[in-house]
Protein backbone atom coordinates (compact mmCIF):
# COMPACT_ATOMS: atom_id res chain seq x y z
CA MET A 1 -77.37 19.03 55.28
CA ARG A 2 -80.12 19.92 52.51
CA VAL A 3 -82.13 17.09 50.98
CA ALA A 4 -84.62 16.91 48.31
CA ILE A 5 -87.51 14.61 49.58
CA VAL A 6 -90.39 12.98 47.65
CA ASN A 7 -93.17 12.10 50.05
CA GLN A 8 -95.97 11.72 47.44
CA PRO A 9 -95.93 11.33 43.58
CA GLY A 10 -95.50 14.41 41.45
CA ILE A 11 -92.89 17.03 40.73
CA LYS A 12 -94.64 19.82 42.62
CA ASN A 13 -94.53 17.57 45.74
CA LEU A 14 -90.64 17.74 45.80
CA SER A 15 -89.47 19.75 48.86
CA ILE A 16 -86.18 20.69 50.43
CA VAL A 17 -85.66 19.61 53.80
CA ASP A 18 -82.88 19.58 56.46
CA ARG A 19 -81.38 16.41 57.78
CA PRO A 20 -78.28 15.45 59.96
CA ASP A 21 -74.91 15.24 58.28
CA PRO A 22 -74.15 11.63 57.90
CA GLU A 23 -71.16 9.87 59.06
CA ALA A 24 -69.18 7.11 57.21
CA GLY A 25 -69.32 3.82 58.95
CA PRO A 26 -66.96 0.90 58.31
CA GLY A 27 -66.19 0.20 54.69
CA GLU A 28 -68.09 3.45 53.85
CA VAL A 29 -67.06 6.81 52.14
CA LEU A 30 -68.89 10.14 52.95
CA VAL A 31 -68.95 12.28 50.10
CA ARG A 32 -69.89 15.94 49.78
CA MET A 33 -72.05 16.07 46.75
CA ARG A 34 -71.02 18.99 44.13
CA ALA A 35 -73.31 18.07 41.31
CA ALA A 36 -76.09 15.98 40.03
CA THR A 37 -77.71 15.68 36.67
CA LEU A 38 -81.48 14.39 35.69
CA ASN A 39 -82.50 11.25 33.57
CA TYR A 40 -85.85 10.82 32.34
CA ARG A 41 -85.99 7.59 34.72
CA ASP A 42 -85.65 10.28 37.53
CA LEU A 43 -88.80 12.12 36.28
CA LEU A 44 -90.60 8.54 36.24
CA THR A 45 -89.49 7.77 39.95
CA VAL A 46 -90.70 11.15 41.12
CA GLU A 47 -93.71 10.82 39.38
CA GLY A 48 -94.36 7.55 40.80
CA GLY A 49 -94.12 5.64 37.39
CA TYR A 50 -91.33 3.14 38.06
CA GLY A 51 -93.50 0.48 39.35
CA SER A 52 -92.38 -1.83 42.06
CA LYS A 53 -88.74 -0.74 41.49
CA GLN A 54 -89.08 2.25 43.48
CA ARG A 55 -90.23 3.97 46.78
CA THR A 56 -92.73 6.87 46.69
CA THR A 57 -92.44 8.19 50.29
CA ASP A 58 -89.43 9.78 52.30
CA PHE A 59 -87.31 9.07 49.11
CA ILE A 60 -84.29 10.99 47.91
CA PRO A 61 -84.45 11.28 44.12
CA LEU A 62 -81.73 11.25 41.42
CA SER A 63 -79.15 8.71 40.50
CA ASP A 64 -76.50 10.66 38.70
CA GLY A 65 -74.01 12.64 41.14
CA ALA A 66 -70.16 13.57 41.93
CA GLY A 67 -68.34 15.22 44.68
CA GLU A 68 -65.35 15.09 46.96
CA VAL A 69 -64.68 12.71 49.53
CA ILE A 70 -64.79 14.02 53.16
CA SER A 71 -63.90 11.25 55.31
CA ILE A 72 -63.58 7.43 55.05
CA GLY A 73 -64.79 4.67 57.43
CA LYS A 74 -62.50 1.75 58.73
CA GLY A 75 -60.97 -0.63 56.28
CA VAL A 76 -61.45 1.78 53.36
CA LYS A 77 -58.60 1.25 50.83
CA ARG A 78 -59.64 2.40 47.36
CA PHE A 79 -60.25 6.16 48.57
CA LYS A 80 -58.89 9.03 50.63
CA THR A 81 -59.93 12.26 51.94
CA GLY A 82 -59.95 14.89 49.11
CA ASP A 83 -60.48 12.38 46.04
CA ARG A 84 -62.80 13.20 43.49
CA VAL A 85 -65.52 10.59 42.93
CA VAL A 86 -68.56 9.59 41.06
CA GLY A 87 -71.14 7.06 42.20
CA ASN A 88 -71.82 4.01 40.26
CA PHE A 89 -75.66 3.76 39.16
CA PHE A 90 -76.16 -0.05 40.34
CA GLN A 91 -74.28 0.11 43.41
CA GLU A 92 -74.22 -3.88 43.88
CA TRP A 93 -73.64 -4.55 40.09
CA LEU A 94 -69.99 -4.77 40.02
CA ALA A 95 -69.34 -7.11 37.30
CA GLY A 96 -70.67 -9.88 34.98
CA GLU A 97 -74.32 -10.43 34.07
CA PRO A 98 -77.25 -8.72 36.04
CA ASP A 99 -79.33 -10.68 38.40
CA HIS A 100 -82.48 -9.88 40.29
CA GLU A 101 -80.82 -8.83 43.40
CA ASN A 102 -77.89 -6.33 41.93
CA MET A 103 -80.64 -5.03 39.63
CA LYS A 104 -82.32 -3.74 42.92
CA SER A 105 -79.61 -1.48 43.88
CA GLY A 106 -79.98 1.47 41.27
CA LEU A 107 -79.53 4.81 42.87
CA GLY A 108 -82.84 7.07 43.20
CA GLY A 109 -85.06 4.22 42.79
CA VAL A 110 -85.29 1.50 45.75
CA ILE A 111 -82.16 3.20 47.18
CA ASP A 112 -81.93 6.76 48.05
CA GLY A 113 -80.41 8.89 45.69
CA VAL A 114 -77.96 11.89 45.56
CA ALA A 115 -80.16 15.00 45.61
CA SER A 116 -78.71 15.95 48.79
CA GLU A 117 -75.43 17.76 50.06
CA TYR A 118 -73.95 14.92 51.67
CA ARG A 119 -74.18 11.07 51.00
CA THR A 120 -72.43 8.02 52.34
CA PHE A 121 -71.63 5.29 49.81
CA PRO A 122 -70.09 1.83 50.21
CA GLU A 123 -66.49 1.87 49.20
CA TYR A 124 -67.22 -0.27 46.09
CA GLY A 125 -70.18 2.08 44.98
CA LEU A 126 -67.77 4.80 43.77
CA CYS A 127 -65.21 5.39 40.88
CA HIS A 128 -62.73 8.11 40.56
CA THR A 129 -63.68 11.28 38.54
CA PRO A 130 -61.42 11.65 35.30
CA ASP A 131 -59.15 14.74 36.13
CA HIS A 132 -59.98 16.60 32.99
CA LEU A 133 -63.83 16.61 34.01
CA THR A 134 -65.46 19.04 36.24
CA ASP A 135 -67.94 17.59 39.00
CA VAL A 136 -70.95 18.44 36.95
CA GLU A 137 -69.53 16.82 34.02
CA ALA A 138 -68.89 13.83 36.08
CA ALA A 139 -72.07 13.79 37.37
CA SER A 140 -73.67 13.10 33.75
CA LEU A 141 -71.96 10.02 33.41
CA PRO A 142 -73.40 7.25 35.73
CA CYS A 143 -76.73 6.55 33.97
CA ALA A 144 -76.85 8.32 30.53
CA GLY A 145 -73.45 7.88 29.96
CA LEU A 146 -73.09 4.34 30.94
CA THR A 147 -76.39 3.33 29.26
CA ALA A 148 -74.96 4.81 25.88
CA TRP A 149 -71.59 3.14 26.35
CA SER A 150 -73.33 -0.17 27.06
CA ALA A 151 -75.38 0.32 23.78
CA VAL A 152 -72.81 1.29 21.43
CA ILE A 153 -69.74 -0.05 22.43
CA ASP A 154 -70.46 -3.37 24.62
CA GLN A 155 -73.62 -4.56 23.05
CA ALA A 156 -73.67 -3.36 19.39
CA LYS A 157 -69.84 -3.67 19.44
CA THR A 158 -69.59 -0.76 17.12
CA ASN A 159 -66.52 -0.93 14.56
CA PRO A 160 -64.86 1.86 12.78
CA GLY A 161 -67.11 2.65 9.51
CA ASP A 162 -70.20 1.49 11.04
CA ILE A 163 -73.49 3.63 10.72
CA VAL A 164 -74.83 4.35 13.74
CA LEU A 165 -78.21 6.37 14.22
CA THR A 166 -79.25 7.92 17.32
CA GLN A 167 -82.51 9.68 18.34
CA GLY A 168 -82.87 12.98 19.68
CA THR A 169 -80.76 15.09 21.56
CA GLY A 170 -81.09 13.93 25.24
CA GLY A 171 -78.49 12.83 27.39
CA VAL A 172 -78.13 9.25 26.43
CA SER A 173 -78.52 10.06 22.72
CA VAL A 174 -76.15 12.82 22.81
CA PHE A 175 -73.55 10.38 24.56
CA ALA A 176 -74.29 7.52 22.28
CA ALA A 177 -73.30 9.90 19.19
CA GLN A 178 -70.22 10.87 21.20
CA PHE A 179 -69.13 7.30 21.73
CA ALA A 180 -69.99 6.35 18.11
CA ILE A 181 -67.65 8.91 16.91
CA LEU A 182 -64.75 7.76 19.31
CA ALA A 183 -65.35 4.04 17.71
CA GLY A 184 -64.71 5.56 14.55
CA ALA A 185 -68.31 5.24 13.16
CA VAL A 186 -70.39 7.32 10.84
CA VAL A 187 -73.05 8.97 12.90
CA ILE A 188 -76.47 10.00 11.88
CA GLY A 189 -78.48 12.09 14.50
CA THR A 190 -82.19 13.04 14.41
CA SER A 191 -84.12 15.64 16.19
CA SER A 192 -87.17 17.98 15.76
CA SER A 193 -85.06 20.99 16.12
CA ASN A 194 -82.88 22.32 13.35
CA GLU A 195 -80.96 24.32 16.04
CA LYS A 196 -80.21 21.20 17.96
CA LEU A 197 -79.14 19.45 14.73
CA GLN A 198 -76.47 22.00 14.04
CA ARG A 199 -75.43 21.40 17.84
CA LEU A 200 -74.94 17.82 16.97
CA LYS A 201 -73.16 18.85 13.72
CA ALA A 202 -70.60 20.70 16.05
CA LEU A 203 -70.10 17.64 17.97
CA GLY A 204 -68.79 15.87 14.89
CA VAL A 205 -72.11 14.09 13.72
CA ASP A 206 -72.05 13.39 10.28
CA HIS A 207 -75.66 13.50 9.16
CA THR A 208 -78.68 14.87 10.48
CA ILE A 209 -82.44 14.40 9.92
CA ASN A 210 -85.27 16.50 11.30
CA TYR A 211 -87.81 13.83 12.05
CA THR A 212 -90.75 16.42 12.24
CA GLU A 213 -89.99 17.42 8.73
CA THR A 214 -89.34 14.09 7.47
CA PRO A 215 -91.49 11.66 9.29
CA GLU A 216 -90.55 8.62 7.22
CA TRP A 217 -86.90 9.24 8.17
CA ALA A 218 -85.91 5.77 7.75
CA ARG A 219 -85.71 6.14 3.87
CA ASN A 220 -83.35 9.12 4.57
CA ALA A 221 -81.31 6.83 6.65
CA ARG A 222 -81.10 4.19 4.05
CA LYS A 223 -80.27 6.76 1.58
CA ILE A 224 -77.23 8.02 3.59
CA SER A 225 -75.99 4.37 3.76
CA ASP A 226 -76.34 3.98 -0.06
CA GLY A 227 -79.48 1.38 0.62
CA ARG A 228 -77.62 -0.93 2.64
CA GLY A 229 -79.20 0.31 6.26
CA VAL A 230 -77.45 1.31 9.19
CA ASP A 231 -75.42 -0.97 11.37
CA VAL A 232 -77.09 0.49 14.91
CA VAL A 233 -80.00 2.36 16.10
CA VAL A 234 -79.85 3.67 19.59
CA GLU A 235 -83.63 3.64 20.27
CA VAL A 236 -85.00 5.74 22.98
CA GLY A 237 -88.39 6.54 21.53
CA GLY A 238 -90.07 3.58 21.91
CA ALA A 239 -93.62 2.76 20.32
CA GLY A 240 -93.50 5.89 18.13
CA THR A 241 -90.22 5.36 16.57
CA LEU A 242 -89.46 1.55 16.66
CA ASP A 243 -91.09 0.95 13.00
CA GLN A 244 -88.99 3.51 11.39
CA SER A 245 -85.80 2.02 13.31
CA ILE A 246 -86.53 -1.51 12.08
CA LYS A 247 -86.92 -0.09 8.53
CA ALA A 248 -83.72 1.95 8.95
CA LEU A 249 -81.43 -1.14 9.98
CA ARG A 250 -79.38 -3.43 7.65
CA PRO A 251 -79.94 -7.17 7.66
CA GLY A 252 -78.03 -8.43 11.06
CA GLY A 253 -78.19 -4.88 12.31
CA VAL A 254 -79.07 -3.98 15.94
CA ALA A 255 -81.69 -1.81 17.87
CA CYS A 256 -80.25 -1.04 21.06
CA LEU A 257 -83.79 -0.47 23.05
CA ILE A 258 -83.38 2.23 25.74
CA GLY A 259 -86.26 4.44 26.20
CA VAL A 260 -90.04 4.62 25.93
CA LEU A 261 -90.34 8.57 25.29
CA SER A 262 -93.15 8.03 22.59
CA GLY A 263 -94.86 5.23 24.30
CA SER A 264 -94.43 1.69 25.75
CA ASN A 265 -96.93 -0.69 23.76
CA HIS A 266 -96.00 -1.60 20.15
CA ASP A 267 -97.12 -3.92 17.39
CA PHE A 268 -93.82 -4.00 15.77
CA ARG A 269 -93.06 -5.48 12.42
CA LEU A 270 -91.99 -8.94 13.21
CA PRO A 271 -91.43 -10.14 9.71
CA LEU A 272 -88.80 -7.69 9.02
CA VAL A 273 -87.20 -8.66 12.21
CA VAL A 274 -87.15 -12.11 11.32
CA THR A 275 -86.47 -11.90 7.60
CA ARG A 276 -83.44 -9.48 8.14
CA LYS A 277 -82.34 -11.06 11.28
CA ILE A 278 -82.37 -7.94 13.14
CA ARG A 279 -81.14 -8.01 16.85
CA MET A 280 -83.12 -6.26 19.40
CA GLU A 281 -81.52 -5.82 22.63
CA GLY A 282 -82.57 -4.25 26.04
CA VAL A 283 -79.98 -1.81 27.71
CA THR A 284 -80.10 -1.05 31.34
CA CYS A 285 -77.20 0.99 32.09
CA GLY A 286 -74.29 -1.33 33.14
CA ASN A 287 -72.02 -2.56 36.05
CA ARG A 288 -68.96 -0.89 37.80
CA GLU A 289 -66.41 -2.84 35.48
CA GLN A 290 -68.03 -1.32 32.41
CA PHE A 291 -68.28 2.09 34.13
CA GLU A 292 -64.60 2.08 34.82
CA SER A 293 -63.75 1.11 31.26
CA MET A 294 -65.86 3.89 30.02
CA LEU A 295 -64.05 6.35 32.40
CA SER A 296 -60.91 5.23 31.11
CA ALA A 297 -61.99 5.87 27.68
CA ILE A 298 -63.34 9.24 28.34
CA LYS A 299 -59.97 10.18 30.08
CA GLN A 300 -57.82 9.02 27.28
CA HIS A 301 -59.59 10.63 24.58
CA ASN A 302 -60.18 13.78 26.79
CA LEU A 303 -63.89 13.55 26.09
CA ARG A 304 -66.32 16.06 27.63
CA PRO A 305 -69.99 15.53 28.07
CA ALA A 306 -72.59 17.71 26.50
CA LEU A 307 -74.38 19.76 29.11
CA ASP A 308 -77.12 21.99 28.59
CA GLU A 309 -76.40 25.67 28.77
CA LYS A 310 -78.86 26.14 31.83
CA THR A 311 -77.88 24.79 35.12
CA PHE A 312 -80.15 24.71 38.45
CA SER A 313 -79.49 24.78 42.08
CA LEU A 314 -80.92 22.31 44.44
CA GLU A 315 -83.63 24.30 45.62
CA GLU A 316 -84.64 24.84 41.93
CA ILE A 317 -85.07 20.99 41.37
CA VAL A 318 -88.69 21.35 40.60
CA SER A 319 -87.99 23.88 37.96
CA ALA A 320 -85.09 21.65 36.69
CA PHE A 321 -87.50 18.67 36.14
CA GLU A 322 -90.24 20.90 34.37
CA TYR A 323 -87.40 22.19 32.01
CA MET A 324 -86.42 18.48 31.13
CA ARG A 325 -89.90 17.37 30.73
CA ALA A 326 -90.61 20.50 28.36
CA GLY A 327 -87.72 18.91 26.03
CA LYS A 328 -85.96 22.32 26.07
CA HIS A 329 -82.56 20.82 27.07
CA PHE A 330 -79.56 19.26 24.86
CA GLY A 331 -77.49 16.95 26.66
CA LYS A 332 -77.80 16.66 30.30
CA VAL A 333 -79.53 19.32 32.73
CA ALA A 334 -77.41 19.75 35.89
CA ILE A 335 -78.01 20.74 39.39
CA GLU A 336 -75.15 22.28 41.25
CA MET A 337 -75.08 21.89 45.14
């Protein structure tokens, strides 16, 4: 089988090698991987920027993949040959709160990822792909999809009529907008590209703000909310956007902290956080129970993930990362295998 390997940090050091096809052992499922998608976290791991939570040599990247069951090992009951499946991001975090051990089980970090033609998974590390989705669409769900679901639905507990602000048009942000719409919220989307803002409108986003044309975008967000402030901000920017997020929130609102795209160190406005009783919550993907709930909702509402128009092959994985890093994409960047 063909496999993407990192032997030293850096996108340019990714190589495609041949490895023996794996076999399913007891309790394991062998999957023919059909598609994978990229996350910003994958870029960090390839470049060696994920700290002690990752390997840096002889390492298979990418956390998000989907495919077809080729064979099952002894004792497997949840799946059969021919089933279409998608991997759970944290292989060992099945339910409840995270702990140090299950947080070490993220695919494409300490554990080899899915950038390979075949991969074995423990039976409990997979979920069934919703019938209406393609493998490429399903491959967008484990990290970006579940992170957005955890933020908007599980942690922020978005209700109909709430106002949710999402930042940018990457995978997490677009999923967050879709799930907020699903929950009946009013959604404000931001981007530096008017073309991408039009694509958000086409997905059903109610209001858009170009943050390059309007650097103080919190004022616009508060104006849209009739001065009340928004209920939820899906914060992916980090240091460069947190001030505006805090200003945009209503008293008692929640900032779901997900990304650090514009920096990680920040002297944030503590007085506003305290006096407005703003809740700031870190979001790190989710467990299998949450993943299955999200998959059920996607199936029930026939929701389709937003994929970038450009796709890549496994041999083009370097180009795929460069394309994502350049910020040219809308939604998820996919690799078809």
